[in-house]
PDB file of N, CA and C in Angstrom:
ATOM      1  N   MET A   1      32.796  -5.472 -28.376  1.00  0.00           N
ATOM      2  CA  MET A   1      33.050  -6.270 -27.201  1.00  0.00           C
ATOM      3  C   MET A   1      33.180  -7.728 -27.628  1.00  0.00           C
ATOM      4  N   HIS A   2      34.054  -8.457 -27.025  1.00  0.00           N
ATOM      5  CA  HIS A   2      34.290  -9.871 -27.320  1.00  0.00           C
ATOM      6  C   HIS A   2      33.036 -10.669 -26.953  1.00  0.00           C
ATOM      7  N   PRO A   3      32.643 -11.697 -27.769  1.00  0.00           N
ATOM      8  CA  PRO A   3      31.418 -12.453 -27.511  1.00  0.00           C
ATOM      9  C   PRO A   3      31.352 -13.072 -26.114  1.00  0.00           C
ATOM     10  N   SER A   4      32.436 -13.648 -25.626  1.00  0.00           N
ATOM     11  CA  SER A   4      32.382 -14.275 -24.301  1.00  0.00           C
ATOM     12  C   SER A   4      32.275 -13.220 -23.201  1.00  0.00           C
ATOM     13  N   ARG A   5      32.912 -12.076 -23.420  1.00  0.00           N
ATOM     14  CA  ARG A   5      32.817 -10.990 -22.437  1.00  0.00           C
ATOM     15  C   ARG A   5      31.388 -10.440 -22.417  1.00  0.00           C
ATOM     16  N   SER A   6      30.770 -10.330 -23.592  1.00  0.00           N
ATOM     17  CA  SER A   6      29.398  -9.843 -23.691  1.00  0.00           C
ATOM     18  C   SER A   6      28.437 -10.785 -22.967  1.00  0.00           C
ATOM     19  N   ALA A   7      28.627 -12.088 -23.139  1.00  0.00           N
ATOM     20  CA  ALA A   7      27.779 -13.067 -22.457  1.00  0.00           C
ATOM     21  C   ALA A   7      27.977 -12.990 -20.947  1.00  0.00           C
ATOM     22  N   PHE A   8      29.218 -12.794 -20.509  1.00  0.00           N
ATOM     23  CA  PHE A   8      29.515 -12.696 -19.081  1.00  0.00           C
ATOM     24  C   PHE A   8      28.842 -11.463 -18.474  1.00  0.00           C
ATOM     25  N   VAL A   9      28.962 -10.325 -19.155  1.00  0.00           N
ATOM     26  CA  VAL A   9      28.353  -9.084 -18.661  1.00  0.00           C
ATOM     27  C   VAL A   9      26.833  -9.224 -18.627  1.00  0.00           C
ATOM     28  N   SER A  10      26.264  -9.852 -19.646  1.00  0.00           N
ATOM     29  CA  SER A  10      24.816 -10.058 -19.685  1.00  0.00           C
ATOM     30  C   SER A  10      24.349 -10.948 -18.544  1.00  0.00           C
ATOM     31  N   SER A  11      25.086 -12.014 -18.266  1.00  0.00           N
ATOM     32  CA  SER A  11      24.685 -12.916 -17.183  1.00  0.00           C
ATOM     33  C   SER A  11      24.820 -12.241 -15.820  1.00  0.00           C
ATOM     34  N   ILE A  12      25.841 -11.404 -15.635  1.00  0.00           N
ATOM     35  CA  ILE A  12      25.988 -10.663 -14.379  1.00  0.00           C
ATOM     36  C   ILE A  12      24.835  -9.673 -14.218  1.00  0.00           C
ATOM     37  N   ALA A  13      24.472  -8.997 -15.298  1.00  0.00           N
ATOM     38  CA  ALA A  13      23.364  -8.037 -15.248  1.00  0.00           C
ATOM     39  C   ALA A  13      22.052  -8.741 -14.917  1.00  0.00           C
ATOM     40  N   CYS A  14      21.817  -9.902 -15.519  1.00  0.00           N
ATOM     41  CA  CYS A  14      20.598 -10.668 -15.232  1.00  0.00           C
ATOM     42  C   CYS A  14      20.574 -11.130 -13.781  1.00  0.00           C
ATOM     43  N   ALA A  15      21.699 -11.598 -13.281  1.00  0.00           N
ATOM     44  CA  ALA A  15      21.774 -12.041 -11.887  1.00  0.00           C
ATOM     45  C   ALA A  15      21.498 -10.883 -10.935  1.00  0.00           C
ATOM     46  N   ALA A  16      22.021  -9.705 -11.252  1.00  0.00           N
ATOM     47  CA  ALA A  16      21.780  -8.533 -10.405  1.00  0.00           C
ATOM     48  C   ALA A  16      20.306  -8.154 -10.404  1.00  0.00           C
ATOM     49  N   LEU A  17      19.673  -8.185 -11.569  1.00  0.00           N
ATOM     50  CA  LEU A  17      18.252  -7.857 -11.649  1.00  0.00           C
ATOM     51  C   LEU A  17      17.398  -8.868 -10.898  1.00  0.00           C
ATOM     52  N   LEU A  18      17.724 -10.144 -11.016  1.00  0.00           N
ATOM     53  CA  LEU A  18      16.974 -11.169 -10.292  1.00  0.00           C
ATOM     54  C   LEU A  18      17.135 -11.014  -8.787  1.00  0.00           C
ATOM     55  N   THR A  19      18.327 -10.672  -8.340  1.00  0.00           N
ATOM     56  CA  THR A  19      18.566 -10.475  -6.914  1.00  0.00           C
ATOM     57  C   THR A  19      17.770  -9.288  -6.394  1.00  0.00           C
ATOM     58  N   LEU A  20      17.761  -8.192  -7.133  1.00  0.00           N
ATOM     59  CA  LEU A  20      17.001  -7.019  -6.714  1.00  0.00           C
ATOM     60  C   LEU A  20      15.502  -7.292  -6.734  1.00  0.00           C
ATOM     61  N   GLY A  21      15.044  -8.047  -7.708  1.00  0.00           N
ATOM     62  CA  GLY A  21      13.626  -8.364  -7.807  1.00  0.00           C
ATOM     63  C   GLY A  21      13.142  -9.326  -6.743  1.00  0.00           C
ATOM     64  N   ALA A  22      14.040 -10.080  -6.140  1.00  0.00           N
ATOM     65  CA  ALA A  22      13.662 -11.068  -5.136  1.00  0.00           C
ATOM     66  C   ALA A  22      13.521 -10.470  -3.742  1.00  0.00           C
ATOM     67  N   ARG A  23      13.911  -9.223  -3.577  1.00  0.00           N
ATOM     68  CA  ARG A  23      13.796  -8.583  -2.264  1.00  0.00           C
ATOM     69  C   ARG A  23      12.337  -8.461  -1.872  1.00  0.00           C
ATOM     70  N   THR A  24      12.048  -8.494  -0.576  1.00  0.00           N
ATOM     71  CA  THR A  24      10.685  -8.363  -0.087  1.00  0.00           C
ATOM     72  C   THR A  24      10.232  -6.915  -0.188  1.00  0.00           C
ATOM     73  N   VAL A  25       9.074  -6.723  -0.763  1.00  0.00           N
ATOM     74  CA  VAL A  25       8.490  -5.393  -0.868  1.00  0.00           C
ATOM     75  C   VAL A  25       7.943  -5.017   0.507  1.00  0.00           C
ATOM     76  N   PRO A  26       8.091  -3.745   0.952  1.00  0.00           N
ATOM     77  CA  PRO A  26       7.599  -3.359   2.273  1.00  0.00           C
ATOM     78  C   PRO A  26       6.137  -3.706   2.507  1.00  0.00           C
ATOM     79  N   ALA A  27       5.300  -3.651   1.474  1.00  0.00           N
ATOM     80  CA  ALA A  27       3.887  -3.971   1.645  1.00  0.00           C
ATOM     81  C   ALA A  27       3.677  -5.439   1.995  1.00  0.00           C
ATOM     82  N   GLN A  28       4.637  -6.301   1.689  1.00  0.00           N
ATOM     83  CA  GLN A  28       4.503  -7.718   1.968  1.00  0.00           C
ATOM     84  C   GLN A  28       5.031  -8.097   3.344  1.00  0.00           C
ATOM     85  N   GLN A  29       5.611  -7.161   4.062  1.00  0.00           N
ATOM     86  CA  GLN A  29       6.209  -7.482   5.349  1.00  0.00           C
ATOM     87  C   GLN A  29       5.186  -7.582   6.465  1.00  0.00           C
ATOM     88  N   GLY A  30       3.999  -7.021   6.291  1.00  0.00           N
ATOM     89  CA  GLY A  30       2.963  -7.123   7.295  1.00  0.00           C
ATOM     90  C   GLY A  30       3.144  -6.134   8.426  1.00  0.00           C
ATOM     91  N   ALA A  31       2.276  -6.259   9.423  1.00  0.00           N
ATOM     92  CA  ALA A  31       2.286  -5.354  10.568  1.00  0.00           C
ATOM     93  C   ALA A  31       3.439  -5.685  11.502  1.00  0.00           C
ATOM     94  N   PRO A  32       3.870  -4.700  12.309  1.00  0.00           N
ATOM     95  CA  PRO A  32       4.915  -4.973  13.296  1.00  0.00           C
ATOM     96  C   PRO A  32       4.463  -6.049  14.276  1.00  0.00           C
ATOM     97  N   ALA A  33       5.397  -6.741  14.875  1.00  0.00           N
ATOM     98  CA  ALA A  33       5.077  -7.857  15.766  1.00  0.00           C
ATOM     99  C   ALA A  33       4.245  -7.427  16.964  1.00  0.00           C
ATOM    100  N   ASP A  34       4.433  -6.203  17.452  1.00  0.00           N
ATOM    101  CA  ASP A  34       3.697  -5.766  18.630  1.00  0.00           C
ATOM    102  C   ASP A  34       2.281  -5.303  18.309  1.00  0.00           C
ATOM    103  N   GLY A  35       1.884  -5.303  17.051  1.00  0.00           N
ATOM    104  CA  GLY A  35       0.538  -4.919  16.660  1.00  0.00           C
ATOM    105  C   GLY A  35       0.343  -3.429  16.492  1.00  0.00           C
ATOM    106  N   GLU A  36       1.370  -2.648  16.678  1.00  0.00           N
ATOM    107  CA  GLU A  36       1.256  -1.196  16.554  1.00  0.00           C
ATOM    108  C   GLU A  36       1.244  -0.792  15.089  1.00  0.00           C
ATOM    109  N   TRP A  37       0.307   0.064  14.735  1.00  0.00           N
ATOM    110  CA  TRP A  37       0.240   0.580  13.370  1.00  0.00           C
ATOM    111  C   TRP A  37       1.032   1.871  13.341  1.00  0.00           C
ATOM    112  N   ARG A  38       2.214   1.841  12.778  1.00  0.00           N
ATOM    113  CA  ARG A  38       3.091   3.011  12.768  1.00  0.00           C
ATOM    114  C   ARG A  38       2.820   3.940  11.596  1.00  0.00           C
ATOM    115  N   THR A  39       2.004   3.493  10.641  1.00  0.00           N
ATOM    116  CA  THR A  39       1.639   4.321   9.497  1.00  0.00           C
ATOM    117  C   THR A  39       0.146   4.194   9.257  1.00  0.00           C
ATOM    118  N   PHE A  40      -0.420   5.133   8.507  1.00  0.00           N
ATOM    119  CA  PHE A  40      -1.830   5.047   8.146  1.00  0.00           C
ATOM    120  C   PHE A  40      -2.032   3.797   7.296  1.00  0.00           C
ATOM    121  N   GLY A  41      -2.961   2.972   7.665  1.00  0.00           N
ATOM    122  CA  GLY A  41      -3.199   1.744   6.923  1.00  0.00           C
ATOM    123  C   GLY A  41      -2.454   0.555   7.488  1.00  0.00           C
ATOM    124  N   GLY A  42      -1.692   0.751   8.574  1.00  0.00           N
ATOM    125  CA  GLY A  42      -1.040  -0.365   9.241  1.00  0.00           C
ATOM    126  C   GLY A  42       0.376  -0.649   8.812  1.00  0.00           C
ATOM    127  N   ASP A  43       0.673  -0.485   7.539  1.00  0.00           N
ATOM    128  CA  ASP A  43       2.024  -0.749   7.043  1.00  0.00           C
ATOM    129  C   ASP A  43       2.272   0.128   5.820  1.00  0.00           C
ATOM    130  N   LEU A  44       3.453   0.032   5.256  1.00  0.00           N
ATOM    131  CA  LEU A  44       3.796   0.892   4.123  1.00  0.00           C
ATOM    132  C   LEU A  44       2.956   0.596   2.884  1.00  0.00           C
ATOM    133  N   GLY A  45       2.357  -0.582   2.823  1.00  0.00           N
ATOM    134  CA  GLY A  45       1.484  -0.923   1.704  1.00  0.00           C
ATOM    135  C   GLY A  45       0.034  -0.561   1.962  1.00  0.00           C
ATOM    136  N   SER A  46      -0.264   0.003   3.130  1.00  0.00           N
ATOM    137  CA  SER A  46      -1.615   0.387   3.541  1.00  0.00           C
ATOM    138  C   SER A  46      -2.592  -0.779   3.396  1.00  0.00           C
ATOM    139  N   THR A  47      -2.173  -1.961   3.876  1.00  0.00           N
ATOM    140  CA  THR A  47      -3.015  -3.149   3.752  1.00  0.00           C
ATOM    141  C   THR A  47      -4.157  -3.178   4.757  1.00  0.00           C
ATOM    142  N   LYS A  48      -4.056  -2.402   5.834  1.00  0.00           N
ATOM    143  CA  LYS A  48      -5.083  -2.342   6.884  1.00  0.00           C
ATOM    144  C   LYS A  48      -5.359  -3.733   7.459  1.00  0.00           C
ATOM    145  N   TYR A  49      -4.317  -4.515   7.587  1.00  0.00           N
ATOM    146  CA  TYR A  49      -4.443  -5.871   8.120  1.00  0.00           C
ATOM    147  C   TYR A  49      -3.615  -5.994   9.389  1.00  0.00           C
ATOM    148  N   SER A  50      -4.166  -6.679  10.371  1.00  0.00           N
ATOM    149  CA  SER A  50      -3.434  -6.944  11.603  1.00  0.00           C
ATOM    150  C   SER A  50      -3.586  -8.425  11.932  1.00  0.00           C
ATOM    151  N   PRO A  51      -2.487  -9.128  12.175  1.00  0.00           N
ATOM    152  CA  PRO A  51      -2.560 -10.552  12.466  1.00  0.00           C
ATOM    153  C   PRO A  51      -2.925 -10.861  13.920  1.00  0.00           C
ATOM    154  N   LEU A  52      -3.366  -9.879  14.682  1.00  0.00           N
ATOM    155  CA  LEU A  52      -3.679 -10.110  16.092  1.00  0.00           C
ATOM    156  C   LEU A  52      -4.818 -11.118  16.224  1.00  0.00           C
ATOM    157  N   ASP A  53      -4.785 -11.879  17.304  1.00  0.00           N
ATOM    158  CA  ASP A  53      -5.784 -12.933  17.482  1.00  0.00           C
ATOM    159  C   ASP A  53      -6.601 -12.764  18.758  1.00  0.00           C
ATOM    160  N   GLN A  54      -6.759 -11.532  19.260  1.00  0.00           N
ATOM    161  CA  GLN A  54      -7.519 -11.311  20.485  1.00  0.00           C
ATOM    162  C   GLN A  54      -9.019 -11.399  20.248  1.00  0.00           C
ATOM    163  N   ILE A  55      -9.472 -11.119  19.049  1.00  0.00           N
ATOM    164  CA  ILE A  55     -10.892 -11.224  18.734  1.00  0.00           C
ATOM    165  C   ILE A  55     -11.131 -12.599  18.129  1.00  0.00           C
ATOM    166  N   THR A  56     -12.014 -13.340  18.766  1.00  0.00           N
ATOM    167  CA  THR A  56     -12.323 -14.697  18.317  1.00  0.00           C
ATOM    168  C   THR A  56     -13.821 -14.819  18.057  1.00  0.00           C
ATOM    169  N   ARG A  57     -14.244 -15.957  17.596  1.00  0.00           N
ATOM    170  CA  ARG A  57     -15.680 -16.212  17.403  1.00  0.00           C
ATOM    171  C   ARG A  57     -16.419 -16.175  18.735  1.00  0.00           C
ATOM    172  N   ASP A  58     -15.733 -16.556  19.791  1.00  0.00           N
ATOM    173  CA  ASP A  58     -16.374 -16.612  21.105  1.00  0.00           C
ATOM    174  C   ASP A  58     -16.634 -15.230  21.700  1.00  0.00           C
ATOM    175  N   ASN A  59     -15.752 -14.261  21.473  1.00  0.00           N
ATOM    176  CA  ASN A  59     -15.921 -12.953  22.108  1.00  0.00           C
ATOM    177  C   ASN A  59     -16.370 -11.854  21.133  1.00  0.00           C
ATOM    178  N   PHE A  60     -16.628 -12.187  19.898  1.00  0.00           N
ATOM    179  CA  PHE A  60     -17.004 -11.177  18.908  1.00  0.00           C
ATOM    180  C   PHE A  60     -18.280 -10.435  19.298  1.00  0.00           C
ATOM    181  N   GLU A  61     -19.276 -11.132  19.808  1.00  0.00           N
ATOM    182  CA  GLU A  61     -20.557 -10.522  20.182  1.00  0.00           C
ATOM    183  C   GLU A  61     -20.413  -9.549  21.343  1.00  0.00           C
ATOM    184  N   GLN A  62     -19.337  -9.626  22.096  1.00  0.00           N
ATOM    185  CA  GLN A  62     -19.136  -8.757  23.256  1.00  0.00           C
ATOM    186  C   GLN A  62     -18.462  -7.435  22.891  1.00  0.00           C
ATOM    187  N   LEU A  63     -18.037  -7.274  21.662  1.00  0.00           N
ATOM    188  CA  LEU A  63     -17.351  -6.046  21.251  1.00  0.00           C
ATOM    189  C   LEU A  63     -18.296  -4.850  21.297  1.00  0.00           C
ATOM    190  N   GLU A  64     -17.763  -3.705  21.724  1.00  0.00           N
ATOM    191  CA  GLU A  64     -18.513  -2.456  21.758  1.00  0.00           C
ATOM    192  C   GLU A  64     -17.686  -1.370  21.081  1.00  0.00           C
ATOM    193  N   LEU A  65     -18.373  -0.423  20.463  1.00  0.00           N
ATOM    194  CA  LEU A  65     -17.697   0.688  19.813  1.00  0.00           C
ATOM    195  C   LEU A  65     -17.075   1.584  20.879  1.00  0.00           C
ATOM    196  N   GLN A  66     -15.778   1.825  20.778  1.00  0.00           N
ATOM    197  CA  GLN A  66     -15.072   2.656  21.750  1.00  0.00           C
ATOM    198  C   GLN A  66     -14.758   4.041  21.204  1.00  0.00           C
ATOM    199  N   TRP A  67     -14.485   4.139  19.941  1.00  0.00           N
ATOM    200  CA  TRP A  67     -14.219   5.430  19.312  1.00  0.00           C
ATOM    201  C   TRP A  67     -14.481   5.311  17.824  1.00  0.00           C
ATOM    202  N   ARG A  68     -14.680   6.451  17.190  1.00  0.00           N
ATOM    203  CA  ARG A  68     -14.972   6.491  15.762  1.00  0.00           C
ATOM    204  C   ARG A  68     -14.105   7.573  15.134  1.00  0.00           C
ATOM    205  N   TRP A  69     -13.640   7.319  13.933  1.00  0.00           N
ATOM    206  CA  TRP A  69     -12.773   8.260  13.229  1.00  0.00           C
ATOM    207  C   TRP A  69     -13.109   8.213  11.756  1.00  0.00           C
ATOM    208  N   ARG A  70     -13.249   9.370  11.139  1.00  0.00           N
ATOM    209  CA  ARG A  70     -13.524   9.421   9.697  1.00  0.00           C
ATOM    210  C   ARG A  70     -12.222   9.263   8.934  1.00  0.00           C
ATOM    211  N   THR A  71     -12.143   8.231   8.162  1.00  0.00           N
ATOM    212  CA  THR A  71     -10.948   7.965   7.373  1.00  0.00           C
ATOM    213  C   THR A  71     -10.932   8.842   6.123  1.00  0.00           C
ATOM    214  N   PRO A  72      -9.764   9.307   5.721  1.00  0.00           N
ATOM    215  CA  PRO A  72      -9.695  10.112   4.496  1.00  0.00           C
ATOM    216  C   PRO A  72      -9.681   9.267   3.227  1.00  0.00           C
ATOM    217  N   ASP A  73      -9.883   7.962   3.335  1.00  0.00           N
ATOM    218  CA  ASP A  73      -9.831   7.098   2.151  1.00  0.00           C
ATOM    219  C   ASP A  73     -10.802   7.545   1.063  1.00  0.00           C
ATOM    220  N   ALA A  74     -12.017   7.899   1.446  1.00  0.00           N
ATOM    221  CA  ALA A  74     -13.006   8.298   0.446  1.00  0.00           C
ATOM    222  C   ALA A  74     -12.572   9.574  -0.263  1.00  0.00           C
ATOM    223  N   LEU A  75     -11.952  10.484   0.462  1.00  0.00           N
ATOM    224  CA  LEU A  75     -11.481  11.725  -0.157  1.00  0.00           C
ATOM    225  C   LEU A  75     -10.303  11.474  -1.085  1.00  0.00           C
ATOM    226  N   LEU A  76      -9.452  10.522  -0.723  1.00  0.00           N
ATOM    227  CA  LEU A  76      -8.278  10.236  -1.537  1.00  0.00           C
ATOM    228  C   LEU A  76      -8.642   9.588  -2.864  1.00  0.00           C
ATOM    229  N   SER A  77      -9.753   8.860  -2.889  1.00  0.00           N
ATOM    230  CA  SER A  77     -10.126   8.154  -4.115  1.00  0.00           C
ATOM    231  C   SER A  77     -11.129   8.937  -4.956  1.00  0.00           C
ATOM    232  N   LYS A  78     -11.403  10.179  -4.581  1.00  0.00           N
ATOM    233  CA  LYS A  78     -12.363  10.986  -5.325  1.00  0.00           C
ATOM    234  C   LYS A  78     -11.858  11.221  -6.750  1.00  0.00           C
ATOM    235  N   THR A  79     -12.741  11.024  -7.703  1.00  0.00           N
ATOM    236  CA  THR A  79     -12.358  11.210  -9.100  1.00  0.00           C
ATOM    237  C   THR A  79     -12.963  12.495  -9.647  1.00  0.00           C
ATOM    238  N   THR A  80     -12.407  12.997 -10.697  1.00  0.00           N
ATOM    239  CA  THR A  80     -12.928  14.195 -11.351  1.00  0.00           C
ATOM    240  C   THR A  80     -14.138  13.808 -12.188  1.00  0.00           C
ATOM    241  N   PRO A  81     -15.273  14.474 -11.968  1.00  0.00           N
ATOM    242  CA  PRO A  81     -16.462  14.121 -12.760  1.00  0.00           C
ATOM    243  C   PRO A  81     -16.248  14.451 -14.233  1.00  0.00           C
ATOM    244  N   ARG A  82     -16.762  13.595 -15.090  1.00  0.00           N
ATOM    245  CA  ARG A  82     -16.612  13.794 -16.532  1.00  0.00           C
ATOM    246  C   ARG A  82     -17.988  13.788 -17.190  1.00  0.00           C
ATOM    247  N   ARG A  83     -18.105  14.616 -18.193  1.00  0.00           N
ATOM    248  CA  ARG A  83     -19.314  14.622 -19.008  1.00  0.00           C
ATOM    249  C   ARG A  83     -18.837  14.503 -20.444  1.00  0.00           C
ATOM    250  N   GLY A  84     -19.034  13.343 -21.016  1.00  0.00           N
ATOM    251  CA  GLY A  84     -18.503  13.100 -22.349  1.00  0.00           C
ATOM    252  C   GLY A  84     -16.992  12.994 -22.280  1.00  0.00           C
ATOM    253  N   ARG A  85     -16.296  13.771 -23.080  1.00  0.00           N
ATOM    254  CA  ARG A  85     -14.831  13.750 -23.082  1.00  0.00           C
ATOM    255  C   ARG A  85     -14.232  14.912 -22.296  1.00  0.00           C
ATOM    256  N   VAL A  86     -15.076  15.701 -21.646  1.00  0.00           N
ATOM    257  CA  VAL A  86     -14.606  16.897 -20.950  1.00  0.00           C
ATOM    258  C   VAL A  86     -14.652  16.669 -19.443  1.00  0.00           C
ATOM    259  N   ALA A  87     -13.544  16.929 -18.769  1.00  0.00           N
ATOM    260  CA  ALA A  87     -13.498  16.829 -17.309  1.00  0.00           C
ATOM    261  C   ALA A  87     -14.025  18.125 -16.718  1.00  0.00           C
ATOM    262  N   ARG A  88     -14.887  18.003 -15.721  1.00  0.00           N
ATOM    263  CA  ARG A  88     -15.470  19.169 -15.064  1.00  0.00           C
ATOM    264  C   ARG A  88     -14.776  19.387 -13.726  1.00  0.00           C
ATOM    265  N   ALA A  89     -14.414  20.616 -13.449  1.00  0.00           N
ATOM    266  CA  ALA A  89     -13.787  20.950 -12.170  1.00  0.00           C
ATOM    267  C   ALA A  89     -14.735  21.828 -11.375  1.00  0.00           C
ATOM    268  N   ASP A  90     -14.848  21.544 -10.115  1.00  0.00           N
ATOM    269  CA  ASP A  90     -15.681  22.312  -9.207  1.00  0.00           C
ATOM    270  C   ASP A  90     -14.782  23.269  -8.434  1.00  0.00           C
ATOM    271  N   ARG A  91     -15.310  24.404  -8.029  1.00  0.00           N
ATOM    272  CA  ARG A  91     -14.502  25.355  -7.259  1.00  0.00           C
ATOM    273  C   ARG A  91     -13.982  24.721  -5.976  1.00  0.00           C
ATOM    274  N   ARG A  92     -14.723  23.804  -5.407  1.00  0.00           N
ATOM    275  CA  ARG A  92     -14.294  23.152  -4.167  1.00  0.00           C
ATOM    276  C   ARG A  92     -13.101  22.234  -4.392  1.00  0.00           C
ATOM    277  N   ASP A  93     -12.878  21.805  -5.639  1.00  0.00           N
ATOM    278  CA  ASP A  93     -11.772  20.898  -5.940  1.00  0.00           C
ATOM    279  C   ASP A  93     -10.433  21.613  -6.036  1.00  0.00           C
ATOM    280  N   ARG A  94     -10.435  22.925  -6.173  1.00  0.00           N
ATOM    281  CA  ARG A  94      -9.183  23.663  -6.329  1.00  0.00           C
ATOM    282  C   ARG A  94      -8.413  23.685  -5.018  1.00  0.00           C
ATOM    283  N   ARG A  95      -7.139  23.468  -5.117  1.00  0.00           N
ATOM    284  CA  ARG A  95      -6.294  23.498  -3.921  1.00  0.00           C
ATOM    285  C   ARG A  95      -5.858  24.925  -3.642  1.00  0.00           C
ATOM    286  N   ARG A  96      -5.856  25.276  -2.387  1.00  0.00           N
ATOM    287  CA  ARG A  96      -5.409  26.616  -2.006  1.00  0.00           C
ATOM    288  C   ARG A  96      -3.907  26.610  -1.851  1.00  0.00           C
ATOM    289  N   THR A  97      -3.278  27.653  -2.349  1.00  0.00           N
ATOM    290  CA  THR A  97      -1.823  27.747  -2.241  1.00  0.00           C
ATOM    291  C   THR A  97      -1.420  28.854  -1.304  1.00  0.00           C
TER     292      THR A  97
END
């Protein structure tokens, strides 16, 4: 390939990569404007953050528990127990097919 053509192709490739890398990642977009959590964790990045401002320092003490739900987060982060260099599997850990 001719040297100037090679430099041109390289610069176009770099520009394309920089453009693709500059796009906003879905996890950085935040919650929807209406405050609705359309996915588990609030957004595609599972940030569990909501920018709503209805709870303030003035009304925080008035909050009451309305419902409770067990999150599967603890189950998702469960690790395989290890003893030395050997991983141990429990019968309960096996997935049913």
